[in-house]
N, C-alpha and C. Protein backbone atom coordinates (compact mmCIF):
# COMPACT_ATOMS: atom_id res chain seq x y z
N MET A 1 46.08 49.33 75.30
CA MET A 1 46.19 49.91 76.62
C MET A 1 46.84 51.28 76.49
N ASN A 2 46.19 52.26 77.06
CA ASN A 2 46.67 53.63 76.95
C ASN A 2 47.08 54.12 78.34
N ILE A 3 48.33 54.43 78.52
CA ILE A 3 48.84 54.91 79.80
C ILE A 3 49.16 56.39 79.67
N SER A 4 48.66 57.16 80.61
CA SER A 4 48.99 58.58 80.61
C SER A 4 49.37 58.98 82.03
N PHE A 5 50.27 59.93 82.13
CA PHE A 5 50.73 60.43 83.41
C PHE A 5 50.36 61.90 83.54
N ASP A 6 49.68 62.21 84.60
CA ASP A 6 49.34 63.60 84.89
C ASP A 6 50.27 64.09 85.99
N LEU A 7 50.82 65.26 85.79
CA LEU A 7 51.70 65.84 86.79
C LEU A 7 50.87 66.50 87.89
N ILE A 8 51.33 66.37 89.11
CA ILE A 8 50.68 67.05 90.23
C ILE A 8 51.07 68.53 90.14
N GLN A 9 50.07 69.40 90.11
CA GLN A 9 50.36 70.81 89.98
C GLN A 9 50.26 71.56 91.31
N ASP A 10 49.37 71.11 92.18
CA ASP A 10 49.18 71.72 93.49
C ASP A 10 49.04 70.61 94.52
N LYS A 11 49.55 70.88 95.71
CA LYS A 11 49.46 69.91 96.79
C LYS A 11 49.53 70.69 98.11
N VAL A 12 48.63 70.37 99.03
CA VAL A 12 48.61 71.01 100.34
C VAL A 12 48.85 69.92 101.39
N GLU A 13 49.78 70.18 102.29
CA GLU A 13 50.10 69.21 103.34
C GLU A 13 50.02 69.88 104.70
N PHE A 14 49.62 69.09 105.68
CA PHE A 14 49.44 69.57 107.05
C PHE A 14 50.42 68.86 107.97
N PHE A 15 50.99 69.60 108.90
CA PHE A 15 51.98 69.06 109.83
C PHE A 15 51.66 69.51 111.24
N GLU A 16 52.01 68.67 112.23
CA GLU A 16 51.88 69.08 113.63
C GLU A 16 52.97 68.40 114.45
N ALA A 17 53.36 69.07 115.53
CA ALA A 17 54.39 68.54 116.43
C ALA A 17 54.28 69.25 117.77
N ASP A 18 54.89 68.63 118.78
CA ASP A 18 54.86 69.24 120.11
C ASP A 18 56.03 70.18 120.36
N ARG A 19 57.01 70.16 119.44
CA ARG A 19 58.15 71.07 119.54
C ARG A 19 58.34 71.77 118.19
N LEU A 20 58.75 73.02 118.23
CA LEU A 20 58.94 73.78 117.00
C LEU A 20 60.03 73.15 116.13
N GLN A 21 61.11 72.69 116.75
CA GLN A 21 62.21 72.07 115.99
C GLN A 21 61.74 70.80 115.27
N ALA A 22 60.88 70.03 115.91
CA ALA A 22 60.35 68.81 115.27
C ALA A 22 59.47 69.16 114.08
N LEU A 23 58.66 70.21 114.22
CA LEU A 23 57.82 70.66 113.12
C LEU A 23 58.67 71.13 111.95
N GLU A 24 59.69 71.92 112.22
CA GLU A 24 60.59 72.39 111.16
C GLU A 24 61.24 71.22 110.44
N LYS A 25 61.64 70.20 111.18
CA LYS A 25 62.29 69.03 110.57
C LYS A 25 61.32 68.29 109.65
N LYS A 26 60.07 68.09 110.10
CA LYS A 26 59.06 67.42 109.28
C LYS A 26 58.81 68.17 107.98
N VAL A 27 58.67 69.50 108.10
CA VAL A 27 58.39 70.31 106.91
C VAL A 27 59.59 70.26 105.95
N GLN A 28 60.79 70.39 106.47
CA GLN A 28 61.97 70.38 105.62
C GLN A 28 62.15 69.04 104.90
N GLU A 29 61.87 67.94 105.59
CA GLU A 29 61.96 66.62 104.94
C GLU A 29 60.96 66.51 103.80
N GLN A 30 59.76 67.02 104.01
CA GLN A 30 58.75 66.93 102.95
C GLN A 30 59.08 67.85 101.79
N ILE A 31 59.70 68.99 102.06
CA ILE A 31 60.14 69.87 100.98
C ILE A 31 61.13 69.13 100.08
N GLU A 32 62.05 68.42 100.69
CA GLU A 32 63.04 67.65 99.90
C GLU A 32 62.36 66.55 99.09
N HIS A 33 61.38 65.86 99.67
CA HIS A 33 60.67 64.80 98.94
C HIS A 33 59.90 65.38 97.76
N ASN A 34 59.28 66.54 97.96
CA ASN A 34 58.47 67.13 96.90
C ASN A 34 59.33 67.72 95.79
N LYS A 35 60.57 68.03 96.06
CA LYS A 35 61.46 68.50 94.99
C LYS A 35 61.63 67.43 93.94
N ALA A 36 61.57 66.17 94.35
CA ALA A 36 61.73 65.05 93.41
C ALA A 36 60.58 64.99 92.41
N ILE A 37 59.42 65.48 92.78
CA ILE A 37 58.29 65.49 91.85
C ILE A 37 58.01 66.91 91.35
N MET A 38 59.04 67.74 91.39
CA MET A 38 59.05 69.08 90.81
C MET A 38 58.03 70.02 91.46
N LEU A 39 57.85 69.90 92.77
CA LEU A 39 56.99 70.83 93.49
C LEU A 39 57.82 71.69 94.41
N GLY A 40 57.54 72.97 94.41
CA GLY A 40 58.23 73.90 95.29
C GLY A 40 57.23 74.54 96.25
N VAL A 41 57.73 75.15 97.29
CA VAL A 41 56.87 75.78 98.29
C VAL A 41 56.29 77.07 97.71
N HIS A 42 54.98 77.18 97.79
CA HIS A 42 54.29 78.38 97.33
C HIS A 42 53.89 79.26 98.52
N HIS A 43 53.42 78.62 99.59
CA HIS A 43 52.94 79.38 100.74
C HIS A 43 53.03 78.50 101.99
N VAL A 44 53.37 79.11 103.12
CA VAL A 44 53.43 78.41 104.40
C VAL A 44 52.62 79.22 105.42
N GLN A 45 51.80 78.53 106.18
CA GLN A 45 51.06 79.16 107.26
C GLN A 45 51.29 78.31 108.51
N HIS A 46 51.57 78.95 109.63
CA HIS A 46 51.84 78.19 110.85
C HIS A 46 51.13 78.84 112.02
N ALA A 47 50.92 78.01 113.06
CA ALA A 47 50.22 78.50 114.26
C ALA A 47 50.65 77.65 115.45
N VAL A 48 50.35 78.17 116.63
CA VAL A 48 50.60 77.42 117.87
C VAL A 48 49.33 77.51 118.71
N ALA A 49 48.97 76.37 119.28
CA ALA A 49 47.80 76.31 120.15
C ALA A 49 48.24 75.77 121.50
N ILE A 50 47.58 76.21 122.55
CA ILE A 50 47.89 75.75 123.90
C ILE A 50 46.66 75.06 124.45
N ASP A 51 46.82 73.80 124.88
CA ASP A 51 45.68 73.07 125.41
C ASP A 51 45.42 73.43 126.88
N GLU A 52 44.42 72.80 127.48
CA GLU A 52 44.03 73.13 128.85
C GLU A 52 45.09 72.78 129.88
N ASN A 53 46.06 71.93 129.51
CA ASN A 53 47.15 71.56 130.42
C ASN A 53 48.40 72.42 130.21
N GLY A 54 48.33 73.40 129.32
CA GLY A 54 49.45 74.28 129.07
C GLY A 54 50.45 73.76 128.05
N ARG A 55 50.14 72.62 127.43
CA ARG A 55 51.04 72.06 126.41
C ARG A 55 50.82 72.77 125.08
N LYS A 56 51.90 72.98 124.36
CA LYS A 56 51.82 73.66 123.07
C LYS A 56 51.75 72.63 121.94
N LEU A 57 50.99 72.96 120.91
CA LEU A 57 50.92 72.16 119.70
C LEU A 57 51.20 73.09 118.53
N TYR A 58 52.27 72.81 117.84
CA TYR A 58 52.68 73.63 116.68
C TYR A 58 52.12 72.98 115.42
N THR A 59 51.54 73.78 114.55
CA THR A 59 50.98 73.27 113.30
C THR A 59 51.47 74.11 112.13
N ALA A 60 51.48 73.48 110.96
CA ALA A 60 51.85 74.19 109.74
C ALA A 60 51.05 73.62 108.56
N VAL A 61 50.71 74.50 107.66
CA VAL A 61 50.07 74.12 106.39
C VAL A 61 51.02 74.62 105.30
N VAL A 62 51.43 73.72 104.44
CA VAL A 62 52.36 74.08 103.36
C VAL A 62 51.69 73.81 102.02
N HIS A 63 51.62 74.84 101.18
CA HIS A 63 51.05 74.72 99.83
C HIS A 63 52.23 74.60 98.86
N PHE A 64 52.28 73.47 98.18
CA PHE A 64 53.30 73.23 97.17
C PHE A 64 52.69 73.44 95.79
N LYS A 65 53.48 74.03 94.90
CA LYS A 65 53.05 74.23 93.50
C LYS A 65 54.16 73.74 92.57
N MET A 66 53.75 73.38 91.38
CA MET A 66 54.71 72.90 90.38
C MET A 66 55.69 74.01 90.02
N ASN A 67 56.96 73.65 89.97
CA ASN A 67 58.00 74.60 89.53
C ASN A 67 57.88 74.80 88.05
N LYS A 68 57.95 76.05 87.63
CA LYS A 68 57.83 76.33 86.18
C LYS A 68 59.13 76.85 85.64
């Protein structure tokens, strides 16, 4: 039996929330989790959309890369 472990080198995660503070909290928690598997933040992109009822939806895409 041959066991091999491949390290994750890139990972992209998507987040959404109805409040900016909630979105920031979700992203920060995931940053801490990804530190355990040696991934750091490479790029963050965020946006806000407003639906037909005037409610805001905050979104973020975070690209994690392996720390070297």
